[in-house]
């Protein structure tokens, strides 16, 4: 089995997924949930189940606040950075 066909079996755009008793292609469910298809595909490749892959926003990294003057991570006014 080629690597490409193995990945397609994990997450093919045309794969029918049933949610709430309604079956639609995976790519269509992504659009309904407001998630880019490439995001869903990457989440599936990383091992997430379909429910988690279709969630609009995953928990991301905390933003770094880089100072525009010195380029270091500085503490913006009103925000405390804890080391």
PDB file of N, CA and C in Angstrom:
ATOM      1  N   UNK A   1       0.849  -1.175   0.000  1.00  0.00           N
ATOM      2  CA  UNK A   1       0.000   0.000   0.000  1.00  0.00           C
ATOM      3  C   UNK A   1       0.896   1.240   0.000  1.00  0.00           C
ATOM      4  N   UNK A   2       0.618   2.140  -0.885  1.00  0.00           N
ATOM      5  CA  UNK A   2       1.443   3.343  -0.949  1.00  0.00           C
ATOM      6  C   UNK A   2       1.095   4.284   0.194  1.00  0.00           C
ATOM      7  N   UNK A   3       2.024   5.163   0.512  1.00  0.00           N
ATOM      8  CA  UNK A   3       1.830   6.141   1.579  1.00  0.00           C
ATOM      9  C   UNK A   3       0.632   7.038   1.286  1.00  0.00           C
ATOM     10  N   UNK A   4       0.478   7.440   0.036  1.00  0.00           N
ATOM     11  CA  UNK A   4      -0.611   8.338  -0.336  1.00  0.00           C
ATOM     12  C   UNK A   4      -1.976   7.687  -0.123  1.00  0.00           C
ATOM     13  N   UNK A   5      -2.127   6.429  -0.480  1.00  0.00           N
ATOM     14  CA  UNK A   5      -3.422   5.772  -0.296  1.00  0.00           C
ATOM     15  C   UNK A   5      -3.714   5.542   1.181  1.00  0.00           C
ATOM     16  N   UNK A   6      -2.678   5.327   1.985  1.00  0.00           N
ATOM     17  CA  UNK A   6      -2.881   5.170   3.427  1.00  0.00           C
ATOM     18  C   UNK A   6      -3.405   6.472   4.015  1.00  0.00           C
ATOM     19  N   UNK A   7      -2.835   7.614   3.626  1.00  0.00           N
ATOM     20  CA  UNK A   7      -3.287   8.910   4.119  1.00  0.00           C
ATOM     21  C   UNK A   7      -4.703   9.208   3.652  1.00  0.00           C
ATOM     22  N   UNK A   8      -5.036   8.848   2.423  1.00  0.00           N
ATOM     23  CA  UNK A   8      -6.385   9.075   1.918  1.00  0.00           C
ATOM     24  C   UNK A   8      -7.412   8.250   2.675  1.00  0.00           C
ATOM     25  N   UNK A   9      -7.029   7.075   3.160  1.00  0.00           N
ATOM     26  CA  UNK A   9      -7.979   6.272   3.914  1.00  0.00           C
ATOM     27  C   UNK A   9      -8.246   6.876   5.290  1.00  0.00           C
ATOM     28  N   UNK A  10      -7.319   7.669   5.809  1.00  0.00           N
ATOM     29  CA  UNK A  10      -7.505   8.356   7.085  1.00  0.00           C
ATOM     30  C   UNK A  10      -8.398   9.570   6.895  1.00  0.00           C
ATOM     31  N   UNK A  11      -8.246  10.238   5.752  1.00  0.00           N
ATOM     32  CA  UNK A  11      -8.958  11.494   5.571  1.00  0.00           C
ATOM     33  C   UNK A  11      -9.059  11.856   4.098  1.00  0.00           C
ATOM     34  N   UNK A  12     -10.052  11.342   3.427  1.00  0.00           N
ATOM     35  CA  UNK A  12     -10.295  11.712   2.036  1.00  0.00           C
ATOM     36  C   UNK A  12     -11.449  12.704   1.996  1.00  0.00           C
ATOM     37  N   UNK A  13     -11.353  13.693   1.143  1.00  0.00           N
ATOM     38  CA  UNK A  13     -12.381  14.736   1.054  1.00  0.00           C
ATOM     39  C   UNK A  13     -13.744  14.152   0.730  1.00  0.00           C
ATOM     40  N   UNK A  14     -13.779  13.082  -0.042  1.00  0.00           N
ATOM     41  CA  UNK A  14     -15.046  12.489  -0.460  1.00  0.00           C
ATOM     42  C   UNK A  14     -15.571  11.434   0.510  1.00  0.00           C
ATOM     43  N   UNK A  15     -14.813  11.150   1.574  1.00  0.00           N
ATOM     44  CA  UNK A  15     -15.223  10.135   2.546  1.00  0.00           C
ATOM     45  C   UNK A  15     -16.528  10.568   3.219  1.00  0.00           C
ATOM     46  N   UNK A  16     -17.519   9.692   3.244  1.00  0.00           N
ATOM     47  CA  UNK A  16     -18.795  10.021   3.876  1.00  0.00           C
ATOM     48  C   UNK A  16     -18.677   9.905   5.386  1.00  0.00           C
ATOM     49  N   UNK A  17     -19.045  10.987   6.078  1.00  0.00           N
ATOM     50  CA  UNK A  17     -19.014  11.053   7.535  1.00  0.00           C
ATOM     51  C   UNK A  17     -20.441  11.291   8.000  1.00  0.00           C
ATOM     52  N   UNK A  18     -20.877  10.519   8.988  1.00  0.00           N
ATOM     53  CA  UNK A  18     -22.237  10.661   9.508  1.00  0.00           C
ATOM     54  C   UNK A  18     -22.200  11.433  10.821  1.00  0.00           C
ATOM     55  N   UNK A  19     -22.894  12.564  10.852  1.00  0.00           N
ATOM     56  CA  UNK A  19     -23.014  13.384  12.057  1.00  0.00           C
ATOM     57  C   UNK A  19     -24.500  13.652  12.257  1.00  0.00           C
ATOM     58  N   UNK A  20     -24.998  13.322  13.431  1.00  0.00           N
ATOM     59  CA  UNK A  20     -26.411  13.527  13.724  1.00  0.00           C
ATOM     60  C   UNK A  20     -27.338  12.785  12.789  1.00  0.00           C
ATOM     61  N   UNK A  21     -26.913  11.620  12.320  1.00  0.00           N
ATOM     62  CA  UNK A  21     -27.730  10.810  11.433  1.00  0.00           C
ATOM     63  C   UNK A  21     -27.739  11.270   9.987  1.00  0.00           C
ATOM     64  N   UNK A  22     -26.910  12.267   9.676  1.00  0.00           N
ATOM     65  CA  UNK A  22     -26.847  12.781   8.305  1.00  0.00           C
ATOM     66  C   UNK A  22     -25.446  12.524   7.741  1.00  0.00           C
ATOM     67  N   UNK A  23     -25.383  11.867   6.586  1.00  0.00           N
ATOM     68  CA  UNK A  23     -24.098  11.537   5.965  1.00  0.00           C
ATOM     69  C   UNK A  23     -23.781  12.551   4.870  1.00  0.00           C
ATOM     70  N   UNK A  24     -22.574  13.095   4.948  1.00  0.00           N
ATOM     71  CA  UNK A  24     -22.078  14.034   3.935  1.00  0.00           C
ATOM     72  C   UNK A  24     -20.588  13.778   3.725  1.00  0.00           C
ATOM     73  N   UNK A  25     -20.046  14.244   2.597  1.00  0.00           N
ATOM     74  CA  UNK A  25     -18.594  14.136   2.406  1.00  0.00           C
ATOM     75  C   UNK A  25     -17.853  14.965   3.465  1.00  0.00           C
ATOM     76  N   UNK A  26     -16.701  14.491   3.865  1.00  0.00           N
ATOM     77  CA  UNK A  26     -15.917  15.156   4.911  1.00  0.00           C
ATOM     78  C   UNK A  26     -15.631  16.620   4.572  1.00  0.00           C
ATOM     79  N   UNK A  27     -15.326  16.899   3.319  1.00  0.00           N
ATOM     80  CA  UNK A  27     -15.013  18.274   2.929  1.00  0.00           C
ATOM     81  C   UNK A  27     -16.232  19.191   3.098  1.00  0.00           C
ATOM     82  N   UNK A  28     -17.416  18.649   2.858  1.00  0.00           N
ATOM     83  CA  UNK A  28     -18.642  19.432   3.037  1.00  0.00           C
ATOM     84  C   UNK A  28     -18.880  19.731   4.522  1.00  0.00           C
ATOM     85  N   UNK A  29     -18.624  18.738   5.391  1.00  0.00           N
ATOM     86  CA  UNK A  29     -18.758  18.978   6.826  1.00  0.00           C
ATOM     87  C   UNK A  29     -17.789  20.055   7.298  1.00  0.00           C
ATOM     88  N   UNK A  30     -16.592  20.061   6.746  1.00  0.00           N
ATOM     89  CA  UNK A  30     -15.617  21.093   7.121  1.00  0.00           C
ATOM     90  C   UNK A  30     -16.174  22.479   6.799  1.00  0.00           C
ATOM     91  N   UNK A  31     -16.747  22.636   5.620  1.00  0.00           N
ATOM     92  CA  UNK A  31     -17.315  23.931   5.227  1.00  0.00           C
ATOM     93  C   UNK A  31     -18.480  24.312   6.136  1.00  0.00           C
ATOM     94  N   UNK A  32     -19.322  23.352   6.490  1.00  0.00           N
ATOM     95  CA  UNK A  32     -20.455  23.615   7.378  1.00  0.00           C
ATOM     96  C   UNK A  32     -19.978  24.087   8.748  1.00  0.00           C
ATOM     97  N   UNK A  33     -18.898  23.495   9.232  1.00  0.00           N
ATOM     98  CA  UNK A  33     -18.361  23.869  10.544  1.00  0.00           C
ATOM     99  C   UNK A  33     -17.457  25.098  10.492  1.00  0.00           C
ATOM    100  N   UNK A  34     -17.204  25.610   9.294  1.00  0.00           N
ATOM    101  CA  UNK A  34     -16.377  26.809   9.160  1.00  0.00           C
ATOM    102  C   UNK A  34     -14.897  26.569   9.349  1.00  0.00           C
ATOM    103  N   UNK A  35     -14.454  25.364   9.007  1.00  0.00           N
ATOM    104  CA  UNK A  35     -13.041  25.001   9.152  1.00  0.00           C
ATOM    105  C   UNK A  35     -12.481  24.701   7.769  1.00  0.00           C
ATOM    106  N   UNK A  36     -11.275  25.188   7.501  1.00  0.00           N
ATOM    107  CA  UNK A  36     -10.646  24.909   6.208  1.00  0.00           C
ATOM    108  C   UNK A  36     -10.402  23.406   6.083  1.00  0.00           C
ATOM    109  N   UNK A  37     -10.590  22.905   4.877  1.00  0.00           N
ATOM    110  CA  UNK A  37     -10.396  21.477   4.644  1.00  0.00           C
ATOM    111  C   UNK A  37      -8.972  21.059   4.983  1.00  0.00           C
ATOM    112  N   UNK A  38      -7.992  21.868   4.645  1.00  0.00           N
ATOM    113  CA  UNK A  38      -6.597  21.499   4.936  1.00  0.00           C
ATOM    114  C   UNK A  38      -6.363  21.393   6.443  1.00  0.00           C
ATOM    115  N   UNK A  39      -7.063  22.205   7.241  1.00  0.00           N
ATOM    116  CA  UNK A  39      -6.932  22.130   8.696  1.00  0.00           C
ATOM    117  C   UNK A  39      -7.488  20.807   9.201  1.00  0.00           C
ATOM    118  N   UNK A  40      -8.668  20.428   8.718  1.00  0.00           N
ATOM    119  CA  UNK A  40      -9.269  19.155   9.112  1.00  0.00           C
ATOM    120  C   UNK A  40      -8.354  17.997   8.723  1.00  0.00           C
ATOM    121  N   UNK A  41      -7.836  18.058   7.512  1.00  0.00           N
ATOM    122  CA  UNK A  41      -6.963  16.993   7.005  1.00  0.00           C
ATOM    123  C   UNK A  41      -5.717  16.846   7.881  1.00  0.00           C
ATOM    124  N   UNK A  42      -5.102  17.940   8.238  1.00  0.00           N
ATOM    125  CA  UNK A  42      -3.893  17.874   9.064  1.00  0.00           C
ATOM    126  C   UNK A  42      -4.212  17.358  10.467  1.00  0.00           C
ATOM    127  N   UNK A  43      -5.346  17.772  11.005  1.00  0.00           N
ATOM    128  CA  UNK A  43      -5.745  17.271  12.324  1.00  0.00           C
ATOM    129  C   UNK A  43      -5.965  15.757  12.289  1.00  0.00           C
ATOM    130  N   UNK A  44      -6.582  15.253  11.213  1.00  0.00           N
ATOM    131  CA  UNK A  44      -6.796  13.812  11.074  1.00  0.00           C
ATOM    132  C   UNK A  44      -5.459  13.081  10.937  1.00  0.00           C
ATOM    133  N   UNK A  45      -4.535  13.632  10.157  1.00  0.00           N
ATOM    134  CA  UNK A  45      -3.220  13.005   9.992  1.00  0.00           C
ATOM    135  C   UNK A  45      -2.483  12.929  11.328  1.00  0.00           C
ATOM    136  N   UNK A  46      -2.754  13.905  12.220  1.00  0.00           N
ATOM    137  CA  UNK A  46      -2.112  13.912  13.540  1.00  0.00           C
ATOM    138  C   UNK A  46      -2.804  12.979  14.529  1.00  0.00           C
ATOM    139  N   UNK A  47      -3.925  12.372  14.114  1.00  0.00           N
ATOM    140  CA  UNK A  47      -4.581  11.373  14.946  1.00  0.00           C
ATOM    141  C   UNK A  47      -5.841  11.823  15.656  1.00  0.00           C
ATOM    142  N   UNK A  48      -6.327  13.046  15.425  1.00  0.00           N
ATOM    143  CA  UNK A  48      -7.553  13.491  16.059  1.00  0.00           C
ATOM    144  C   UNK A  48      -8.756  12.790  15.440  1.00  0.00           C
ATOM    145  N   UNK A  49      -9.787  12.572  16.255  1.00  0.00           N
ATOM    146  CA  UNK A  49     -11.004  11.970  15.716  1.00  0.00           C
ATOM    147  C   UNK A  49     -11.782  13.032  14.937  1.00  0.00           C
ATOM    148  N   UNK A  50     -12.843  12.602  14.252  1.00  0.00           N
ATOM    149  CA  UNK A  50     -13.586  13.522  13.390  1.00  0.00           C
ATOM    150  C   UNK A  50     -14.202  14.668  14.181  1.00  0.00           C
ATOM    151  N   UNK A  51     -14.750  14.377  15.362  1.00  0.00           N
ATOM    152  CA  UNK A  51     -15.377  15.438  16.161  1.00  0.00           C
ATOM    153  C   UNK A  51     -14.393  16.562  16.472  1.00  0.00           C
ATOM    154  N   UNK A  52     -13.205  16.185  16.907  1.00  0.00           N
ATOM    155  CA  UNK A  52     -12.195  17.203  17.240  1.00  0.00           C
ATOM    156  C   UNK A  52     -11.648  17.881  15.991  1.00  0.00           C
ATOM    157  N   UNK A  53     -11.542  17.146  14.907  1.00  0.00           N
ATOM    158  CA  UNK A  53     -11.006  17.724  13.663  1.00  0.00           C
ATOM    159  C   UNK A  53     -11.923  18.804  13.099  1.00  0.00           C
ATOM    160  N   UNK A  54     -13.232  18.680  13.331  1.00  0.00           N
ATOM    161  CA  UNK A  54     -14.183  19.657  12.809  1.00  0.00           C
ATOM    162  C   UNK A  54     -14.403  20.849  13.735  1.00  0.00           C
ATOM    163  N   UNK A  55     -13.802  20.856  14.911  1.00  0.00           N
ATOM    164  CA  UNK A  55     -13.993  21.996  15.819  1.00  0.00           C
ATOM    165  C   UNK A  55     -13.376  23.237  15.196  1.00  0.00           C
ATOM    166  N   UNK A  56     -14.094  24.359  15.273  1.00  0.00           N
ATOM    167  CA  UNK A  56     -13.615  25.577  14.620  1.00  0.00           C
ATOM    168  C   UNK A  56     -12.250  26.060  15.095  1.00  0.00           C
ATOM    169  N   UNK A  57     -11.961  25.953  16.386  1.00  0.00           N
ATOM    170  CA  UNK A  57     -10.682  26.466  16.863  1.00  0.00           C
ATOM    171  C   UNK A  57     -10.096  25.518  17.876  1.00  0.00           C
ATOM    172  N   UNK A  58      -8.861  25.143  17.649  1.00  0.00           N
ATOM    173  CA  UNK A  58      -8.153  24.305  18.596  1.00  0.00           C
ATOM    174  C   UNK A  58      -7.367  25.205  19.538  1.00  0.00           C
ATOM    175  N   UNK A  59      -7.009  24.669  20.676  1.00  0.00           N
ATOM    176  CA  UNK A  59      -6.217  25.430  21.618  1.00  0.00           C
ATOM    177  C   UNK A  59      -4.835  25.656  21.024  1.00  0.00           C
ATOM    178  N   UNK A  60      -4.467  26.901  20.890  1.00  0.00           N
ATOM    179  CA  UNK A  60      -3.197  27.241  20.265  1.00  0.00           C
ATOM    180  C   UNK A  60      -2.159  27.704  21.262  1.00  0.00           C
ATOM    181  N   UNK A  61      -1.070  28.132  20.728  1.00  0.00           N
ATOM    182  CA  UNK A  61       0.000  28.670  21.560  1.00  0.00           C
ATOM    183  C   UNK A  61      -0.365  30.059  22.061  1.00  0.00           C
ATOM    184  N   UNK A  62       0.230  30.434  23.169  1.00  0.00           N
ATOM    185  CA  UNK A  62       0.055  31.790  23.662  1.00  0.00           C
ATOM    186  C   UNK A  62       0.918  32.704  22.794  1.00  0.00           C
ATOM    187  N   UNK A  63       0.420  33.887  22.493  1.00  0.00           N
ATOM    188  CA  UNK A  63       1.203  34.773  21.625  1.00  0.00           C
ATOM    189  C   UNK A  63       2.432  35.323  22.329  1.00  0.00           C
ATOM    190  N   UNK A  64       3.479  35.508  21.560  1.00  0.00           N
ATOM    191  CA  UNK A  64       4.670  36.182  22.053  1.00  0.00           C
ATOM    192  C   UNK A  64       4.514  37.667  21.789  1.00  0.00           C
ATOM    193  N   UNK A  65       4.824  38.458  22.766  1.00  0.00           N
ATOM    194  CA  UNK A  65       4.749  39.903  22.607  1.00  0.00           C
ATOM    195  C   UNK A  65       6.160  40.430  22.401  1.00  0.00           C
ATOM    196  N   UNK A  66       6.515  40.639  21.156  1.00  0.00           N
ATOM    197  CA  UNK A  66       7.850  41.140  20.833  1.00  0.00           C
ATOM    198  C   UNK A  66       7.819  42.658  20.749  1.00  0.00           C
ATOM    199  N   UNK A  67       8.792  43.245  21.372  1.00  0.00           N
ATOM    200  CA  UNK A  67       8.910  44.699  21.376  1.00  0.00           C
ATOM    201  C   UNK A  67       9.302  45.179  19.981  1.00  0.00           C
ATOM    202  N   UNK A  68       8.619  46.179  19.485  1.00  0.00           N
ATOM    203  CA  UNK A  68       8.937  46.738  18.176  1.00  0.00           C
ATOM    204  C   UNK A  68      10.244  47.509  18.169  1.00  0.00           C
ATOM    205  N   UNK A  69      10.714  47.902  19.353  1.00  0.00           N
ATOM    206  CA  UNK A  69      11.945  48.686  19.446  1.00  0.00           C
ATOM    207  C   UNK A  69      13.175  47.807  19.594  1.00  0.00           C
ATOM    208  N   UNK A  70      13.148  46.901  20.591  1.00  0.00           N
ATOM    209  CA  UNK A  70      14.346  46.114  20.874  1.00  0.00           C
ATOM    210  C   UNK A  70      14.282  44.693  20.321  1.00  0.00           C
ATOM    211  N   UNK A  71      13.095  44.202  19.960  1.00  0.00           N
ATOM    212  CA  UNK A  71      12.955  42.865  19.404  1.00  0.00           C
ATOM    213  C   UNK A  71      12.881  41.761  20.439  1.00  0.00           C
ATOM    214  N   UNK A  72      12.988  42.110  21.741  1.00  0.00           N
ATOM    215  CA  UNK A  72      12.911  41.114  22.806  1.00  0.00           C
ATOM    216  C   UNK A  72      11.453  40.909  23.213  1.00  0.00           C
ATOM    217  N   UNK A  73      11.220  39.823  23.943  1.00  0.00           N
ATOM    218  CA  UNK A  73       9.878  39.608  24.468  1.00  0.00           C
ATOM    219  C   UNK A  73       9.721  40.541  25.661  1.00  0.00           C
ATOM    220  N   UNK A  74       8.857  41.521  25.497  1.00  0.00           N
ATOM    221  CA  UNK A  74       8.633  42.521  26.527  1.00  0.00           C
ATOM    222  C   UNK A  74       7.229  42.366  27.096  1.00  0.00           C
ATOM    223  N   UNK A  75       7.004  42.960  28.230  1.00  0.00           N
ATOM    224  CA  UNK A  75       5.722  42.889  28.904  1.00  0.00           C
ATOM    225  C   UNK A  75       4.863  44.081  28.466  1.00  0.00           C
ATOM    226  N   UNK A  76       3.822  43.849  27.671  1.00  0.00           N
ATOM    227  CA  UNK A  76       2.964  44.940  27.261  1.00  0.00           C
ATOM    228  C   UNK A  76       2.220  45.519  28.458  1.00  0.00           C
ATOM    229  N   UNK A  77       1.825  46.732  28.360  1.00  0.00           N
ATOM    230  CA  UNK A  77       1.125  47.403  29.451  1.00  0.00           C
ATOM    231  C   UNK A  77      -0.175  46.669  29.759  1.00  0.00           C
ATOM    232  N   UNK A  78      -0.377  46.331  31.030  1.00  0.00           N
ATOM    233  CA  UNK A  78      -1.603  45.668  31.452  1.00  0.00           C
ATOM    234  C   UNK A  78      -1.563  44.149  31.326  1.00  0.00           C
ATOM    235  N   UNK A  79      -0.490  43.585  30.784  1.00  0.00           N
ATOM    236  CA  UNK A  79      -0.374  42.139  30.654  1.00  0.00           C
ATOM    237  C   UNK A  79       0.877  41.685  31.371  1.00  0.00           C
ATOM    238  N   UNK A  80       0.730  40.727  32.260  1.00  0.00           N
ATOM    239  CA  UNK A  80       1.858  40.225  33.029  1.00  0.00           C
ATOM    240  C   UNK A  80       2.315  38.894  32.444  1.00  0.00           C
ATOM    241  N   UNK A  81       3.586  38.799  32.078  1.00  0.00           N
ATOM    242  CA  UNK A  81       4.153  37.547  31.584  1.00  0.00           C
ATOM    243  C   UNK A  81       4.810  36.826  32.743  1.00  0.00           C
ATOM    244  N   UNK A  82       4.435  35.572  32.964  1.00  0.00           N
ATOM    245  CA  UNK A  82       4.983  34.774  34.055  1.00  0.00           C
ATOM    246  C   UNK A  82       5.962  33.790  33.480  1.00  0.00           C
ATOM    247  N   UNK A  83       7.160  33.723  34.066  1.00  0.00           N
ATOM    248  CA  UNK A  83       8.193  32.814  33.560  1.00  0.00           C
ATOM    249  C   UNK A  83       8.080  31.464  34.213  1.00  0.00           C
TER     250      UNK A  83
END
